[in-house]
Amino acid sequence: MFNERVQSGRAGRRDQTRERVVECAQRLFAERGFAATTVRQIAAEAGVSVGTVMGVGDKDALLLAAFDGWIGAVHSARDVSERVSPDADPVTRIGDAVAPFLALFDADMSLAREYGTVLARGGAATEVFGELAIALHDDFAAVFADAGLDEDAPRAARAVYFAYLGLVMTSAVTGSDAASIRDDLESVAAVILRSPRKDS
């Protein structure tokens, strides 16, 4: 029993330290930019050692964790009652589904492009491929189901989700801004919606 409490206390302190490091990284990345922020600065801001910061993750992993937090907050803040009605144009609904996230990217496009570059490099875990992916995929699938794609809706949603990721990942190279990412994603959705299904 004592050992369980000790282990639980250590895990709790480790989680608190991780949260503090990520919060400090978020603040410094937003204030100074990704390139200008060092692990040493993050450590000083968080009041921990460089080794502790590296235990949480390198700069790439910290940037992904920062965006996971920001994107997660956007997901949580979205009110289902504010979503566009099922009768609205499905292409516009796809754009509306990603609009809050693109607004986040648009707020600091330079940092968002760094995020896209880090995502494209791979190698670090991120919720954008986990719970956040499932939620956005489900939003897309609902749009396609309402548009009559029925059993094809999940596949169409997956295609649009991967197109969305690709557009975000390549924004650093293409110089795309939030508006052009939305336009391109809506174009992908429009092509899927007008493509004849294999059984028709």
Protein backbone atom coordinates (compact mmCIF):
# COMPACT_ATOMS: atom_id res chain seq x y z
CA MET A 1 0.00 0.00 0.00
CA PHE A 2 2.79 2.45 0.91
CA ASN A 3 4.67 1.53 -2.28
CA GLU A 4 1.52 2.17 -4.38
CA ARG A 5 1.14 5.64 -2.84
CA VAL A 6 4.80 6.43 -3.52
CA GLN A 7 4.48 5.29 -7.15
CA SER A 8 1.24 7.26 -7.54
CA GLY A 9 2.88 10.38 -6.03
CA ARG A 10 5.84 10.08 -8.39
CA ALA A 11 3.59 9.63 -11.41
CA GLY A 12 1.56 12.68 -10.37
CA ARG A 13 4.70 14.83 -9.97
CA ARG A 14 6.02 13.57 -13.31
CA ASP A 15 2.72 14.53 -15.00
CA GLN A 16 2.77 17.98 -13.37
CA THR A 17 6.37 18.52 -14.49
CA ARG A 18 5.49 17.44 -18.04
CA GLU A 19 2.52 19.85 -18.11
CA ARG A 20 4.70 22.71 -16.84
CA VAL A 21 7.39 22.03 -19.45
CA VAL A 22 4.82 21.88 -22.29
CA GLU A 23 3.09 25.07 -21.06
CA CYS A 24 6.43 26.90 -20.95
CA ALA A 25 7.33 25.59 -24.40
CA GLN A 26 3.96 26.77 -25.73
CA ARG A 27 4.48 30.24 -24.30
CA LEU A 28 8.06 30.58 -25.57
CA PHE A 29 7.26 29.21 -29.03
CA ALA A 30 4.38 31.70 -29.32
CA GLU A 31 6.45 34.64 -28.01
CA ARG A 32 9.84 33.99 -29.62
CA GLY A 33 9.18 31.54 -32.43
CA PHE A 34 10.29 27.94 -32.76
CA ALA A 35 13.80 28.55 -34.13
CA ALA A 36 14.65 31.20 -31.53
CA THR A 37 13.53 29.09 -28.56
CA THR A 38 16.09 26.76 -27.00
CA VAL A 39 15.66 23.78 -24.71
CA ARG A 40 17.76 25.66 -22.16
CA GLN A 41 15.28 28.58 -22.23
CA ILE A 42 12.36 26.18 -21.78
CA ALA A 43 14.13 24.58 -18.83
CA ALA A 44 14.78 27.98 -17.22
CA GLU A 45 11.17 29.07 -17.77
CA ALA A 46 9.84 25.81 -16.29
CA GLY A 47 12.34 25.84 -13.39
CA VAL A 48 13.73 22.42 -14.26
CA SER A 49 16.95 21.01 -15.67
CA VAL A 50 17.68 20.61 -19.38
CA GLY A 51 17.69 16.86 -18.76
CA THR A 52 14.16 17.04 -17.36
CA VAL A 53 12.99 18.93 -20.45
CA MET A 54 14.66 16.35 -22.71
CA GLY A 55 12.90 13.65 -20.67
CA VAL A 56 9.64 15.22 -21.79
CA GLY A 57 10.88 15.58 -25.37
CA ASP A 58 13.16 17.42 -27.75
CA LYS A 59 12.04 20.66 -29.42
CA ASP A 60 10.13 18.81 -32.15
CA ALA A 61 8.23 16.70 -29.62
CA LEU A 62 7.51 19.79 -27.51
CA LEU A 63 6.12 21.64 -30.54
CA LEU A 64 3.84 18.69 -31.30
CA ALA A 65 2.74 18.59 -27.65
CA ALA A 66 2.11 22.35 -27.74
CA PHE A 67 -0.11 22.03 -30.81
CA ASP A 68 -1.83 18.95 -29.34
CA GLY A 69 -2.81 21.16 -26.41
CA TRP A 70 -3.97 24.03 -28.60
CA ILE A 71 -5.84 21.77 -31.04
CA GLY A 72 -7.37 19.84 -28.13
CA ALA A 73 -8.61 23.11 -26.64
CA VAL A 74 -10.20 24.04 -29.97
CA HIS A 75 -11.88 20.61 -30.13
CA SER A 76 -13.20 21.01 -26.60
CA ALA A 77 -14.48 24.53 -27.27
CA ARG A 78 -16.45 23.56 -30.34
CA ASP A 79 -20.14 23.48 -29.51
CA VAL A 80 -22.10 20.82 -31.37
CA SER A 81 -25.12 23.16 -31.47
CA GLU A 82 -23.06 25.71 -33.42
CA ARG A 83 -22.14 23.26 -36.15
CA VAL A 84 -23.65 23.80 -39.57
CA SER A 85 -26.98 22.08 -40.18
CA PRO A 86 -27.07 18.80 -42.10
CA ASP A 87 -29.02 20.61 -44.84
CA ALA A 88 -26.10 22.94 -45.62
CA ASP A 89 -23.80 22.37 -48.58
CA PRO A 90 -21.55 19.38 -47.70
CA VAL A 91 -18.42 20.95 -49.21
CA THR A 92 -18.89 24.05 -47.06
CA ARG A 93 -19.51 21.81 -44.03
CA ILE A 94 -16.13 20.13 -44.59
CA GLY A 95 -14.50 23.57 -44.64
CA ASP A 96 -16.47 24.62 -41.56
CA ALA A 97 -15.29 21.49 -39.70
CA VAL A 98 -11.64 22.53 -40.05
CA ALA A 99 -12.19 26.30 -39.81
CA PRO A 100 -11.49 26.53 -36.04
CA PHE A 101 -8.20 24.67 -36.49
CA LEU A 102 -7.19 26.76 -39.48
CA ALA A 103 -7.95 29.88 -37.43
CA LEU A 104 -5.50 28.53 -34.85
CA PHE A 105 -2.88 28.05 -37.56
CA ASP A 106 -3.63 31.44 -39.06
CA ALA A 107 -2.99 33.14 -35.71
CA ASP A 108 0.73 32.30 -36.10
CA MET A 109 1.31 30.88 -39.57
CA SER A 110 5.08 30.81 -39.10
CA LEU A 111 4.75 28.54 -36.07
CA ALA A 112 2.06 26.50 -37.83
CA ARG A 113 4.45 25.92 -40.73
CA GLU A 114 7.12 24.73 -38.30
CA TYR A 115 4.49 22.36 -36.90
CA GLY A 116 3.74 21.08 -40.41
CA THR A 117 7.45 20.51 -41.01
CA VAL A 118 7.83 18.58 -37.74
CA LEU A 119 4.75 16.48 -38.56
CA ALA A 120 6.17 15.69 -42.00
CA ARG A 121 9.50 14.59 -40.47
CA GLY A 122 7.62 12.11 -38.27
CA GLY A 123 9.19 10.19 -35.41
CA ALA A 124 7.30 11.76 -32.50
CA ALA A 125 3.90 10.77 -31.14
CA THR A 126 1.07 13.27 -31.46
CA GLU A 127 -2.64 13.29 -30.71
CA VAL A 128 -3.29 14.62 -34.20
CA PHE A 129 -3.01 10.94 -35.20
CA GLY A 130 -4.97 9.73 -32.13
CA GLU A 131 -8.07 11.07 -30.40
CA LEU A 132 -8.09 14.31 -32.37
CA ALA A 133 -7.96 12.37 -35.63
CA ILE A 134 -10.93 10.25 -34.60
CA ALA A 135 -13.05 13.29 -33.71
CA LEU A 136 -12.33 15.10 -36.97
CA HIS A 137 -12.78 11.92 -39.01
CA ASP A 138 -16.18 11.41 -37.36
CA ASP A 139 -17.17 14.98 -38.28
CA PHE A 140 -16.21 14.36 -41.91
CA ALA A 141 -18.00 10.98 -41.97
CA ALA A 142 -21.21 12.61 -40.70
CA VAL A 143 -21.04 15.16 -43.53
CA PHE A 144 -20.56 12.47 -46.16
CA ALA A 145 -23.30 10.28 -44.66
CA ASP A 146 -25.70 13.25 -44.74
CA ALA A 147 -24.68 13.79 -48.38
CA GLY A 148 -25.79 10.24 -49.22
CA LEU A 149 -22.48 8.39 -49.36
CA ASP A 150 -23.84 5.86 -46.84
CA GLU A 151 -21.33 2.99 -46.41
CA ASP A 152 -18.70 4.96 -48.35
CA ALA A 153 -18.83 7.85 -45.85
CA PRO A 154 -16.04 6.51 -43.57
CA ARG A 155 -13.70 5.96 -46.55
CA ALA A 156 -14.46 9.42 -47.92
CA ALA A 157 -13.86 10.88 -44.45
CA ARG A 158 -10.50 9.11 -44.21
CA ALA A 159 -9.45 10.46 -47.62
CA VAL A 160 -10.40 14.01 -46.65
CA TYR A 161 -8.67 13.68 -43.28
CA PHE A 162 -5.43 12.56 -44.94
CA ALA A 163 -5.76 15.36 -47.48
CA TYR A 164 -6.13 17.80 -44.58
CA LEU A 165 -2.99 16.43 -42.89
CA GLY A 166 -1.07 16.58 -46.16
CA LEU A 167 -2.09 20.19 -46.73
CA VAL A 168 -1.00 21.15 -43.21
CA MET A 169 2.27 19.22 -43.48
CA THR A 170 3.22 20.75 -46.80
CA SER A 171 2.19 24.32 -45.95
CA ALA A 172 5.81 25.15 -45.05
CA VAL A 173 6.94 24.23 -48.57
CA THR A 174 3.95 25.54 -50.50
CA GLY A 175 3.55 28.73 -48.47
CA SER A 176 -0.16 27.99 -48.11
CA ASP A 177 -2.17 30.03 -45.67
CA ALA A 178 -5.33 28.95 -43.81
CA ALA A 179 -7.68 30.17 -46.55
CA SER A 180 -5.88 28.26 -49.29
CA ILE A 181 -5.73 25.09 -47.15
CA ARG A 182 -9.50 25.31 -46.67
CA ASP A 183 -10.06 25.94 -50.40
CA ASP A 184 -7.89 22.97 -51.35
CA LEU A 185 -9.62 20.70 -48.81
CA GLU A 186 -13.05 21.74 -50.04
CA SER A 187 -11.90 20.96 -53.60
CA VAL A 188 -10.94 17.43 -52.51
CA ALA A 189 -14.35 16.99 -50.85
CA ALA A 190 -16.11 18.25 -53.98
CA VAL A 191 -14.25 15.72 -56.16
CA ILE A 192 -15.17 12.88 -53.79
CA LEU A 193 -18.82 13.94 -53.74
CA ARG A 194 -19.14 14.02 -57.52
CA SER A 195 -17.12 10.84 -58.19
CA PRO A 196 -19.32 7.92 -59.20
CA ARG A 197 -19.22 5.05 -56.74
CA LYS A 198 -17.97 1.68 -58.01
CA ASP A 199 -21.42 0.06 -57.65
CA SER A 200 -23.25 2.73 -59.70
